[in-house]
Amino acid sequence: MNITTWIGNTQMPQNETGTQRNTKVQGKQDDLTFGALLHETEKKCPYSYMAKDGIIEYNGVVFVCDYKNNSITLGDMTDPKKVLNISLPSGGNLKVNVENFGDISKAASMFSPEDLNAILRAIHQYQFCVKKQNEMEEETFQGLMRAQAGAEENETEENETEETVNS
């Protein structure tokens, strides 16, 4: 008679004395190893119950499941500077290309209220930061332009003073 114990979600076959035994079927070890079982349980992403072959299509918006990072992605992920990574309260992440923010409104009803709130808050914060960054760059540019204009004005005054002295 075999005794089976559960460690987490992993079933470990044991013999009557309680020690682990090697399970062989016709000379081959069982295909079910801890690593294979762990890999199966790790394969998850937010809203994966809606996915077909790793793709979630909702109201014409296509999300791709990233099982490795427990994320769903929207848009082009090749340029990390254009990707906003949003932690979802329900678990996992939503990674959105900043050029695809408009698509979120089409798929808003797909998300739980808590997740949607986190998404909208993150987009608002991102847009606020971009606005402030643009304002700072504009101020810096204007300051440089004023400094350059002041330097040119000083140079013109010096040239006029030299011409007056030389006359």
Foldseek 3Di string as FASTA:
>chain_A
DWDWDDDPNDIFTDHPVRHGDFDDDPNHGDPDDPVVVVVVVLQAAPPCVQDDPQWHADLNFIWGQDSVQNEIEGDDPPDVVQWDWFAFPVGGTYIYGVVCPVVCVSCVVVDDPRRSVSVVVSNVVVVVVVVVVVVVVVVVVVVVVVVVVVVVVVVVVVVVVVVVVVD
